[in-house]
Structures are given as C-alpha cells and as structure tokens.
Amino acid sequence: MDRLTNTVRPYAWGSTTAIPELLGTEPTGEPQAEMWMGAHPGAPSRTDRGTGPVSLADLIAADPERELGPDAVRAFGPRLPFLLKLLAAGSPLSLQVHPDLAQAEAGHADEERRGVPLDAPHRNYKDANHKPELICALTPFEGLCGFRHPAETAGLLDALGVGALKPYADILRAAPEDAALREVLTAVLSADRDETAETVEQAAAAARRLAAEDGPHADACAAYAAIAHHYPGDPGVLAAMLLNHVRLQPGEALFLGAGIPHAYLGGLGVELMANSDNVLRCGLTPKHVDVPELLRVVRFEPRDAGVLRPEAATASGEEVYDTPIDEFRLSRFVPAPGAAPHPLDDRTPQILLCTAGTATLRAVAGSGADSAAALTLAPGESAFIRAGERVELAGEGTVFRATVVA
C-alpha cells in the first residue's frame, strides 16, 4: 500500500474553496480545479517506499508486471490505464468532445507526421489514446451532456423569442435529427464571431428572462445565462443550448463516451478517465477551436443525459458505476457503522480515495505483506494498491475505488 501525494492543478475555472474544504486545508485564494491521482506524466502522484519520494509513473515503469499485474499489462500495456481526479468547477469548463480510439490514433499520427509540436496551441491530439470519462457528484453538480432531441430544442429557441434563432429552430424541426444537429452546430461555429456576438447577447438576455419565470425551460435557461455571463458573445453559448442540462445529486454520475459533447458547469466531483489528454473544444474557451476536426469527431445522436446510480456488485458492500469500457471501473464503499472489514479484490491495480469520514487499509495476514501494515485515510487522501496485494478496508468513511475491469 502506498499513500499518495497528489498535485492540485490551478486552472482558472476551478473553485477556490471546494477542494480545500474537502482536504481540511486553508484556501489560498487561487482556483484549485483538479487534484490528480495516478501516473499521468503531466502530474504523477508521488509516494515513498522508504528511499525517498518517487513518482508513481517511475515505480510502474521500473516493473510494470509487479505493480499492475500481468493481466493488466497484457490488456493495456505497461502503464496505469486510468487517471482519477477530484474536480471542482467554480465556473463553466469549455464545451468539448473526446475522440474514439481509432480517431485518436489517426489524429496523433497525422500531427506527428506534420511535425506539430506537442505544446502547440493548435495541436488537437496530445497522445494516441481515447478519453472516455465518468464524473460522480460529491456535491450538487451541474453540467451539459449530449444533444437534446431537436424538436425539444426548437421549442426552447422559440421560447427565447430571438429572431436570429428562428432559422435554427426551423432546421431542427424539418430535417432528420442527426442531419439537423450537424447543420445547426456547423452554422453556429462557422459564423462570423462578431456577427454572432449580438445574437448570443440577445439569447442570453432572453434566457435570463425565462430563468426568472416558472416555466419548463427555467432551469436550463438559468444555466445558459450563467454561461453567457462567463463567456459573453461566445458562439459556444448557442452550441450549449443544443445540449441536455442536468443536475446531479451526490452519488449520481454521468458517463461521457467518445463524440458526446459536454461541459461541467459547477460543483465538486470524483472524475475517472482513460489516461489521455485529447480534447476537441466546441466553445466557451479562449483556446483553439478546430471546427472541421470537431465536426468529424462529434456524434450527432440525440439522447437523454443518462444519469448513473451505483449498483451493488458484491456482498462486501461495493457499489459499482457501470460503464461500457475496460480501462477503468469506479466503485464506492459506504460502510455501515460497525461493519466488518471489506476484503478488496487483489487481481488488479487500484487507487482508493476517501471523501468522507475515515477509512483504514490493512494488509491481510498471510498475504506475503506485513500483516501489521496499515494506512488510515482522511477526506481527500488516497492510496495506490498494486496488483496481488491483499488488503482489507475498514472504517466509517466513504471511499471510491478506481481500478480496471478484470
């Protein structure tokens, strides 16, 4: 068992208070957006096995099969295939999508062949991996996820009463759903930004009006008005109006697969994703927006937001968030007071994160490890357990477990 020391990333959209409150530390006054737990080269966790601090990435690279287990290495290669985060959004993140594996491999190879520097602002593919992700709310959490059904969006645009939006509403009603969504998103993102800015401001003013009324669009319009406040004149505000608005309660989650447009708007959550940096932005950002590549990657499929709730998987009390990929698996333990210790499956590498109360990890006697070895985790603290290490979980805290599908 390795207690982890993790890096907090100070992105501008981050909350100044949410992560410090969880960790029990004083706010610095600066945004604290994400705390990374894992072996991503951008900010690997560190641990100390008695010889001084070392990065988890270096430990795994030195002996992948010992740390990850032969099955995980065979399936995913000699690296930890997931990245666990605490994410604290104080303002909206960029509207974005992620490529599938084939798109990422082809896009990365093309940019490498053309000599586009990895740190170039117009670089789309930082690596050759896909980036499905799961966000689980720790506090009430607000976001946008997937395209709303076009007829419903047409009704929203009608309610806004902005003349420049009427052609979009007509398209959304008339064309097949996928073609309508493609045509409207293309038009919004390809239009002259200065000309679009006036429409965005009119739509934002109308959204503020509807948000103050007790109507069917009030909740979503409040979100769109807030987005426009942070990104005045940004065409991404109009793109956001095509998407489902969702509010998660603590314990609820969203899965974001390849090509699904989404944005996180506010709240604290546990995020688990494949180990990748590939993001294509649709708007709500000063960063590069590659419209042709974005339109190639987006899946123009209307859908419900798809809120996930954990399902009991074993008698041990583990609750699993079911997702359709193998690179990561998120589960949660919320032990009842006085409950017996829970043995953890030891076939795969795992990271444990405590988010409430306290939890104790103890080596199982006869497992080849020191049976007296134990780690106690407070909120915000985490540990890496290598494959084959038999450990029991005890205590009365809430603990999230990140691993791979065995």
Protein backbone atom coordinates (compact mmCIF):
# COMPACT_ATOMS: atom_id res chain seq x y z
CA MET A 1 0.00 0.00 0.00
CA ASP A 2 1.32 3.40 -0.98
CA ARG A 3 -0.01 6.64 0.45
CA LEU A 4 -0.11 9.13 -2.42
CA THR A 5 0.93 12.76 -2.54
CA ASN A 6 -1.01 14.46 -5.32
CA THR A 7 -0.81 17.63 -7.39
CA VAL A 8 -3.63 20.19 -7.46
CA ARG A 9 -3.98 21.97 -10.81
CA PRO A 10 -4.88 25.70 -10.61
CA TYR A 11 -6.97 26.07 -13.79
CA ALA A 12 -8.86 29.36 -13.99
CA TRP A 13 -12.31 27.73 -13.86
CA GLY A 14 -11.58 25.99 -10.57
CA SER A 15 -13.33 26.64 -7.27
CA THR A 16 -11.25 28.49 -4.67
CA THR A 17 -12.86 26.62 -1.77
CA ALA A 18 -14.24 23.15 -2.66
CA ILE A 19 -11.03 21.12 -2.66
CA PRO A 20 -9.57 22.91 0.41
CA GLU A 21 -12.81 22.23 2.31
CA LEU A 22 -12.59 18.51 1.49
CA LEU A 23 -8.90 18.34 2.40
CA GLY A 24 -9.37 20.40 5.57
CA THR A 25 -6.82 23.00 4.44
CA GLU A 26 -6.95 26.78 4.22
CA PRO A 27 -7.92 28.21 0.81
CA THR A 28 -5.10 30.03 -0.93
CA GLY A 29 -7.38 32.48 -2.71
CA GLU A 30 -6.36 30.94 -6.04
CA PRO A 31 -8.53 28.50 -8.03
CA GLN A 32 -7.94 24.82 -7.21
CA ALA A 33 -9.57 22.95 -10.08
CA GLU A 34 -8.33 19.35 -10.15
CA MET A 35 -6.36 17.01 -7.91
CA TRP A 36 -4.75 14.25 -9.98
CA MET A 37 -4.23 10.71 -8.65
CA GLY A 38 -2.35 8.31 -10.86
CA ALA A 39 0.65 8.05 -13.14
CA HIS A 40 -0.14 10.59 -15.87
CA PRO A 41 3.17 12.19 -16.95
CA GLY A 42 1.65 15.66 -16.63
CA ALA A 43 1.34 15.40 -12.85
CA PRO A 44 2.07 11.90 -11.48
CA SER A 45 1.31 11.09 -7.87
CA ARG A 46 4.29 10.52 -5.61
CA THR A 47 4.91 8.03 -2.81
CA ASP A 48 7.74 6.92 -0.55
CA ARG A 49 8.66 3.27 -0.09
CA GLY A 50 11.45 4.08 2.33
CA THR A 51 14.04 5.51 -0.03
CA GLY A 52 12.54 8.94 -0.60
CA PRO A 53 9.71 10.30 -2.70
CA VAL A 54 9.33 8.83 -6.18
CA SER A 55 6.65 9.25 -8.83
CA LEU A 56 4.10 6.50 -9.29
CA ALA A 57 4.85 6.65 -13.02
CA ASP A 58 8.51 5.77 -12.35
CA LEU A 59 7.59 2.94 -10.00
CA ILE A 60 5.32 1.40 -12.60
CA ALA A 61 7.84 1.89 -15.42
CA ALA A 62 10.52 0.10 -13.38
CA ASP A 63 8.44 -3.09 -13.00
CA PRO A 64 5.04 -2.94 -14.75
CA GLU A 65 4.04 -6.56 -14.12
CA ARG A 66 4.74 -6.34 -10.39
CA GLU A 67 2.79 -3.10 -9.97
CA LEU A 68 -0.06 -3.65 -12.44
CA GLY A 69 -0.21 -7.43 -12.73
CA PRO A 70 0.37 -9.45 -15.92
CA ASP A 71 -3.29 -9.35 -16.96
CA ALA A 72 -3.47 -5.54 -16.91
CA VAL A 73 -0.15 -5.22 -18.75
CA ARG A 74 -1.33 -7.67 -21.39
CA ALA A 75 -4.62 -5.79 -21.84
CA PHE A 76 -3.49 -2.16 -21.59
CA GLY A 77 0.29 -2.08 -21.86
CA PRO A 78 2.93 -1.22 -19.23
CA ARG A 79 1.19 1.85 -17.80
CA LEU A 80 -1.69 2.63 -15.48
CA PRO A 81 -4.59 2.98 -17.94
CA PHE A 82 -6.70 5.36 -15.88
CA LEU A 83 -6.46 8.73 -14.13
CA LEU A 84 -8.52 9.56 -11.03
CA LYS A 85 -9.28 13.17 -10.13
CA LEU A 86 -11.10 15.42 -7.75
CA LEU A 87 -12.72 18.06 -9.96
CA ALA A 88 -14.01 21.34 -8.51
CA ALA A 89 -15.73 23.61 -11.02
CA GLY A 90 -16.30 27.17 -9.84
CA SER A 91 -17.26 28.35 -13.33
CA PRO A 92 -18.09 26.57 -16.61
CA LEU A 93 -15.44 24.46 -18.33
CA SER A 94 -15.09 24.54 -22.11
CA LEU A 95 -17.71 22.77 -24.22
CA GLN A 96 -15.83 19.75 -25.56
CA VAL A 97 -15.75 16.26 -27.04
CA HIS A 98 -13.22 13.43 -26.98
CA PRO A 99 -12.22 11.17 -29.91
CA ASP A 100 -12.63 7.42 -30.07
CA LEU A 101 -9.52 5.22 -30.12
CA ALA A 102 -9.23 4.99 -33.91
CA GLN A 103 -9.67 8.77 -34.30
CA ALA A 104 -7.07 9.46 -31.62
CA GLU A 105 -4.54 7.09 -33.18
CA ALA A 106 -5.03 8.55 -36.66
CA GLY A 107 -5.08 12.17 -35.48
CA HIS A 108 -1.99 11.77 -33.33
CA ALA A 109 -0.07 10.03 -36.13
CA ASP A 110 -1.04 12.77 -38.59
CA GLU A 111 0.08 15.61 -36.31
CA GLU A 112 3.32 13.78 -35.53
CA ARG A 113 3.96 13.30 -39.26
CA ARG A 114 3.33 17.01 -39.89
CA GLY A 115 5.67 17.98 -37.04
CA VAL A 116 3.08 19.84 -34.95
CA PRO A 117 4.75 20.46 -31.56
CA LEU A 118 3.04 18.77 -28.60
CA ASP A 119 2.70 22.12 -26.84
CA ALA A 120 1.39 24.00 -29.90
CA PRO A 121 -1.88 25.79 -29.10
CA HIS A 122 -3.49 24.39 -32.28
CA ARG A 123 -2.49 20.79 -31.51
CA ASN A 124 -5.58 18.54 -31.19
CA TYR A 125 -4.11 15.14 -30.29
CA LYS A 126 -1.59 15.09 -27.45
CA ASP A 127 -1.49 11.28 -27.44
CA ALA A 128 -2.89 8.28 -29.32
CA ASN A 129 -5.48 7.27 -26.74
CA HIS A 130 -9.20 7.84 -26.33
CA LYS A 131 -10.59 9.64 -23.29
CA PRO A 132 -13.91 8.28 -22.07
CA GLU A 133 -14.68 9.66 -18.61
CA LEU A 134 -17.04 9.37 -15.67
CA ILE A 135 -17.96 12.16 -13.27
CA CYS A 136 -19.58 11.31 -9.92
CA ALA A 137 -21.02 14.15 -7.85
CA LEU A 138 -19.84 14.74 -4.28
CA THR A 139 -21.95 17.89 -4.00
CA PRO A 140 -24.86 19.03 -6.17
CA PHE A 141 -23.23 19.15 -9.60
CA GLU A 142 -24.39 20.87 -12.79
CA GLY A 143 -23.44 20.07 -16.36
CA LEU A 144 -24.39 19.69 -20.01
CA CYS A 145 -24.33 16.23 -21.56
CA GLY A 146 -25.27 15.07 -25.07
CA PHE A 147 -27.64 16.52 -27.63
CA ARG A 148 -31.21 17.16 -26.55
CA HIS A 149 -33.83 15.88 -29.02
CA PRO A 150 -34.02 18.54 -31.77
CA ALA A 151 -37.78 19.15 -31.50
CA GLU A 152 -37.35 19.96 -27.80
CA THR A 153 -34.51 22.38 -28.57
CA ALA A 154 -36.65 24.02 -31.26
CA GLY A 155 -39.26 24.66 -28.57
CA LEU A 156 -36.61 26.24 -26.34
CA LEU A 157 -35.40 28.51 -29.16
CA ASP A 158 -38.98 29.56 -29.89
CA ALA A 159 -39.48 30.42 -26.22
CA LEU A 160 -36.39 32.65 -26.28
CA GLY A 161 -38.06 34.72 -29.00
CA VAL A 162 -34.82 35.83 -30.72
CA GLY A 163 -35.40 36.35 -34.42
CA ALA A 164 -31.91 35.22 -35.47
CA LEU A 165 -32.54 31.84 -33.83
CA LYS A 166 -35.72 31.08 -35.81
CA PRO A 167 -33.87 29.55 -38.81
CA TYR A 168 -32.14 27.14 -36.42
CA ALA A 169 -35.47 26.14 -34.88
CA ASP A 170 -36.91 25.53 -38.35
CA ILE A 171 -33.99 23.28 -39.28
CA LEU A 172 -34.30 21.33 -36.04
CA ARG A 173 -37.95 20.60 -36.80
CA ALA A 174 -37.62 19.83 -40.50
CA ALA A 175 -34.55 17.67 -41.04
CA PRO A 176 -33.70 14.17 -39.80
CA GLU A 177 -32.39 14.54 -36.26
CA ASP A 178 -28.71 13.79 -36.93
CA ALA A 179 -28.62 15.99 -40.05
CA ALA A 180 -30.40 18.82 -38.23
CA LEU A 181 -27.97 18.79 -35.33
CA ARG A 182 -24.98 18.73 -37.68
CA GLU A 183 -26.33 21.62 -39.78
CA VAL A 184 -27.13 23.84 -36.81
CA LEU A 185 -23.86 23.20 -34.92
CA THR A 186 -21.88 23.78 -38.11
CA ALA A 187 -23.69 27.05 -38.74
CA VAL A 188 -23.20 28.28 -35.17
CA LEU A 189 -19.47 27.51 -35.03
CA SER A 190 -18.69 28.63 -38.59
CA ALA A 191 -20.46 32.01 -38.48
CA ASP A 192 -18.58 35.27 -38.17
CA ARG A 193 -17.88 35.69 -34.45
CA ASP A 194 -18.59 39.42 -34.39
CA GLU A 195 -21.96 38.93 -36.11
CA THR A 196 -22.83 36.02 -33.82
CA ALA A 197 -21.98 38.00 -30.68
CA GLU A 198 -25.14 40.14 -30.94
CA THR A 199 -27.31 37.03 -31.27
CA VAL A 200 -25.56 35.50 -28.26
CA GLU A 201 -26.26 38.58 -26.17
CA GLN A 202 -29.93 38.64 -27.20
CA ALA A 203 -30.26 34.93 -26.43
CA ALA A 204 -28.59 35.42 -23.04
CA ALA A 205 -30.97 38.25 -22.14
CA ALA A 206 -33.93 36.09 -23.13
CA ALA A 207 -32.54 33.18 -21.12
CA ARG A 208 -32.31 35.40 -18.03
CA ARG A 209 -35.96 36.35 -18.54
CA LEU A 210 -37.11 32.72 -18.85
CA ALA A 211 -34.97 31.69 -15.89
CA ALA A 212 -36.97 34.09 -13.70
CA GLU A 213 -40.25 32.51 -14.79
CA ASP A 214 -41.67 29.23 -13.53
CA GLY A 215 -41.72 27.55 -16.93
CA PRO A 216 -40.41 24.32 -18.48
CA HIS A 217 -37.16 25.93 -19.60
CA ALA A 218 -36.35 27.91 -16.43
CA ASP A 219 -33.66 25.62 -15.04
CA ALA A 220 -31.79 25.19 -18.33
CA CYS A 221 -32.08 28.89 -19.15
CA ALA A 222 -30.54 29.82 -15.81
CA ALA A 223 -27.55 27.69 -16.78
CA TYR A 224 -27.28 29.23 -20.26
CA ALA A 225 -27.49 32.74 -18.80
CA ALA A 226 -24.68 31.90 -16.37
CA ILE A 227 -22.56 30.51 -19.20
CA ALA A 228 -23.11 33.69 -21.23
CA HIS A 229 -22.07 35.76 -18.21
CA HIS A 230 -18.71 33.96 -18.13
CA TYR A 231 -18.28 33.86 -21.94
CA PRO A 232 -20.03 36.95 -23.37
CA GLY A 233 -20.50 36.77 -27.13
CA ASP A 234 -19.03 33.26 -27.39
CA PRO A 235 -20.81 31.14 -30.07
CA GLY A 236 -20.37 28.21 -27.69
CA VAL A 237 -23.32 29.68 -25.74
CA LEU A 238 -25.59 28.85 -28.69
CA ALA A 239 -23.97 25.44 -29.07
CA ALA A 240 -24.66 24.79 -25.38
CA MET A 241 -28.37 25.37 -25.99
CA LEU A 242 -28.41 22.20 -28.12
CA LEU A 243 -27.43 20.06 -25.13
CA ASN A 244 -29.20 18.42 -22.22
CA HIS A 245 -28.91 20.37 -18.98
CA VAL A 246 -28.50 18.07 -15.96
CA ARG A 247 -28.21 18.46 -12.21
CA LEU A 248 -26.61 15.58 -10.31
CA GLN A 249 -27.22 14.89 -6.65
CA PRO A 250 -24.36 13.48 -4.54
CA GLY A 251 -23.68 9.90 -5.59
CA GLU A 252 -25.12 10.32 -9.10
CA ALA A 253 -22.82 10.18 -12.13
CA LEU A 254 -22.51 10.79 -15.86
CA PHE A 255 -20.54 8.72 -18.37
CA LEU A 256 -19.12 10.63 -21.33
CA GLY A 257 -18.18 8.40 -24.24
CA ALA A 258 -16.43 9.34 -27.47
CA GLY A 259 -18.01 12.11 -29.51
CA ILE A 260 -20.51 13.19 -26.83
CA PRO A 261 -20.43 16.99 -26.39
CA HIS A 262 -20.40 18.05 -22.76
CA ALA A 263 -19.40 20.72 -20.28
CA TYR A 264 -19.18 20.81 -16.49
CA LEU A 265 -20.70 23.97 -15.05
CA GLY A 266 -20.27 23.80 -11.28
CA GLY A 267 -19.77 21.51 -8.31
CA LEU A 268 -17.33 19.03 -6.78
CA GLY A 269 -16.98 15.51 -8.09
CA VAL A 270 -14.81 12.44 -8.45
CA GLU A 271 -13.73 12.03 -12.07
CA LEU A 272 -12.25 8.86 -13.57
CA MET A 273 -11.00 8.66 -17.15
CA ALA A 274 -8.74 6.85 -19.54
CA ASN A 275 -5.18 8.13 -19.36
CA SER A 276 -5.33 10.75 -22.13
CA ASP A 277 -5.22 14.50 -22.77
CA ASN A 278 -7.16 14.53 -26.05
CA VAL A 279 -9.81 17.29 -26.12
CA LEU A 280 -11.56 18.96 -29.05
CA ARG A 281 -13.31 22.16 -27.99
CA CYS A 282 -16.65 23.49 -29.27
CA GLY A 283 -16.56 26.84 -27.49
CA LEU A 284 -16.69 28.55 -24.08
CA THR A 285 -12.93 28.94 -24.24
CA PRO A 286 -10.22 31.31 -25.48
CA LYS A 287 -8.33 28.21 -26.70
CA HIS A 288 -8.14 26.81 -30.22
CA VAL A 289 -11.37 25.51 -31.79
CA ASP A 290 -10.74 23.33 -34.86
CA VAL A 291 -14.25 23.30 -36.35
CA PRO A 292 -13.65 20.81 -39.22
CA GLU A 293 -11.94 18.27 -36.94
CA LEU A 294 -14.54 18.79 -34.24
CA LEU A 295 -17.38 18.09 -36.67
CA ARG A 296 -15.62 14.90 -37.77
CA VAL A 297 -15.46 13.64 -34.17
CA VAL A 298 -18.86 14.72 -32.77
CA ARG A 299 -21.59 12.09 -32.73
CA PHE A 300 -24.80 13.79 -33.78
CA GLU A 301 -27.04 11.48 -31.80
CA PRO A 302 -29.83 12.92 -29.61
CA ARG A 303 -30.01 11.19 -26.25
CA ASP A 304 -31.03 11.62 -22.66
CA ALA A 305 -28.30 12.73 -20.27
CA GLY A 306 -28.12 9.19 -18.85
CA VAL A 307 -27.70 9.73 -15.11
CA LEU A 308 -25.99 6.74 -13.47
CA ARG A 309 -26.55 5.49 -9.95
CA PRO A 310 -24.35 2.88 -8.27
CA GLU A 311 -25.42 -0.74 -8.25
CA ALA A 312 -24.49 -3.21 -5.52
CA ALA A 313 -21.98 -5.64 -7.01
CA THR A 314 -20.92 -7.85 -4.11
CA ALA A 315 -21.93 -8.78 -0.60
CA SER A 316 -18.95 -6.71 0.60
CA GLY A 317 -20.96 -3.52 0.10
CA GLU A 318 -19.14 -2.35 -3.01
CA GLU A 319 -21.37 -0.24 -5.28
CA VAL A 320 -20.33 -0.04 -8.94
CA TYR A 321 -20.93 2.63 -11.59
CA ASP A 322 -21.45 0.52 -14.70
CA THR A 323 -19.69 1.78 -17.85
CA PRO A 324 -19.05 0.10 -21.23
CA ILE A 325 -15.25 0.20 -21.20
CA ASP A 326 -12.43 -1.79 -19.61
CA GLU A 327 -9.73 0.84 -18.91
CA PHE A 328 -11.43 1.98 -15.75
CA ARG A 329 -14.06 0.95 -13.24
CA LEU A 330 -15.34 3.21 -10.47
CA SER A 331 -16.99 1.86 -7.35
CA ARG A 332 -17.87 3.18 -3.92
CA PHE A 333 -17.90 1.85 -0.37
CA VAL A 334 -20.14 3.43 2.27
CA PRO A 335 -19.79 1.03 5.23
CA ALA A 336 -22.41 0.95 7.94
CA PRO A 337 -21.18 1.79 11.47
CA GLY A 338 -19.53 -1.25 13.00
CA ALA A 339 -19.43 -3.19 9.72
CA ALA A 340 -16.81 -5.92 9.30
CA PRO A 341 -13.73 -5.12 7.18
CA HIS A 342 -14.23 -5.50 3.42
CA PRO A 343 -11.60 -7.52 1.52
CA LEU A 344 -10.63 -5.80 -1.73
CA ASP A 345 -10.24 -7.73 -4.97
CA ASP A 346 -6.48 -8.05 -5.50
CA ARG A 347 -6.37 -9.05 -9.17
CA THR A 348 -5.88 -5.53 -10.50
CA PRO A 349 -4.07 -2.29 -9.56
CA GLN A 350 -6.28 0.19 -7.73
CA ILE A 351 -6.41 3.65 -6.22
CA LEU A 352 -8.56 4.29 -3.14
CA LEU A 353 -9.81 7.81 -2.36
CA CYS A 354 -11.53 8.74 0.89
CA THR A 355 -14.12 11.52 0.52
CA ALA A 356 -15.81 11.47 3.95
CA GLY A 357 -15.09 10.13 7.45
CA THR A 358 -12.01 7.94 7.81
CA ALA A 359 -11.01 4.64 6.26
CA THR A 360 -8.27 2.19 7.20
CA LEU A 361 -6.49 -0.10 4.74
CA ARG A 362 -4.85 -3.10 6.35
CA ALA A 363 -2.75 -5.86 4.80
CA VAL A 364 -4.33 -9.30 5.08
CA ALA A 365 -2.40 -11.78 7.23
CA GLY A 366 -0.70 -14.47 5.17
CA SER A 367 -0.68 -12.35 2.01
CA GLY A 368 3.08 -12.07 1.95
CA ALA A 369 2.93 -8.50 3.25
CA ASP A 370 3.45 -7.26 6.78
CA SER A 371 0.07 -8.02 8.38
CA ALA A 372 0.58 -5.08 10.73
CA ALA A 373 0.87 -2.66 7.80
CA ALA A 374 -1.99 -0.18 7.72
CA LEU A 375 -2.89 3.18 6.26
CA THR A 376 -5.61 5.46 7.58
CA LEU A 377 -7.11 7.84 5.04
CA ALA A 378 -8.86 11.11 5.88
CA PRO A 379 -11.03 13.02 3.39
CA GLY A 380 -9.07 13.83 0.25
CA GLU A 381 -6.33 11.28 0.99
CA SER A 382 -5.61 8.39 -1.36
CA ALA A 383 -3.55 5.24 -1.73
CA PHE A 384 -2.26 3.02 -4.52
CA ILE A 385 -2.51 -0.74 -4.09
CA ARG A 386 -0.55 -2.78 -6.56
CA ALA A 387 -1.97 -5.93 -8.14
CA GLY A 388 -1.72 -9.01 -5.95
CA GLU A 389 -1.58 -7.06 -2.69
CA ARG A 390 -4.35 -8.35 -0.42
CA VAL A 391 -5.94 -5.55 1.59
CA GLU A 392 -9.00 -5.07 3.77
CA LEU A 393 -10.97 -1.83 4.02
CA ALA A 394 -12.44 -0.81 7.36
CA GLY A 395 -13.85 2.33 8.95
CA GLU A 396 -16.90 4.51 8.56
CA GLY A 397 -15.82 6.72 5.68
CA THR A 398 -16.93 6.95 2.07
CA VAL A 399 -14.27 5.50 -0.20
CA PHE A 400 -14.10 5.49 -4.00
CA ARG A 401 -12.17 2.70 -5.69
CA ALA A 402 -10.66 3.14 -9.17
CA THR A 403 -9.37 0.09 -10.99
CA VAL A 404 -9.67 -1.73 -14.33
CA VAL A 405 -12.14 -4.38 -15.45
CA ALA A 406 -10.61 -7.74 -14.56
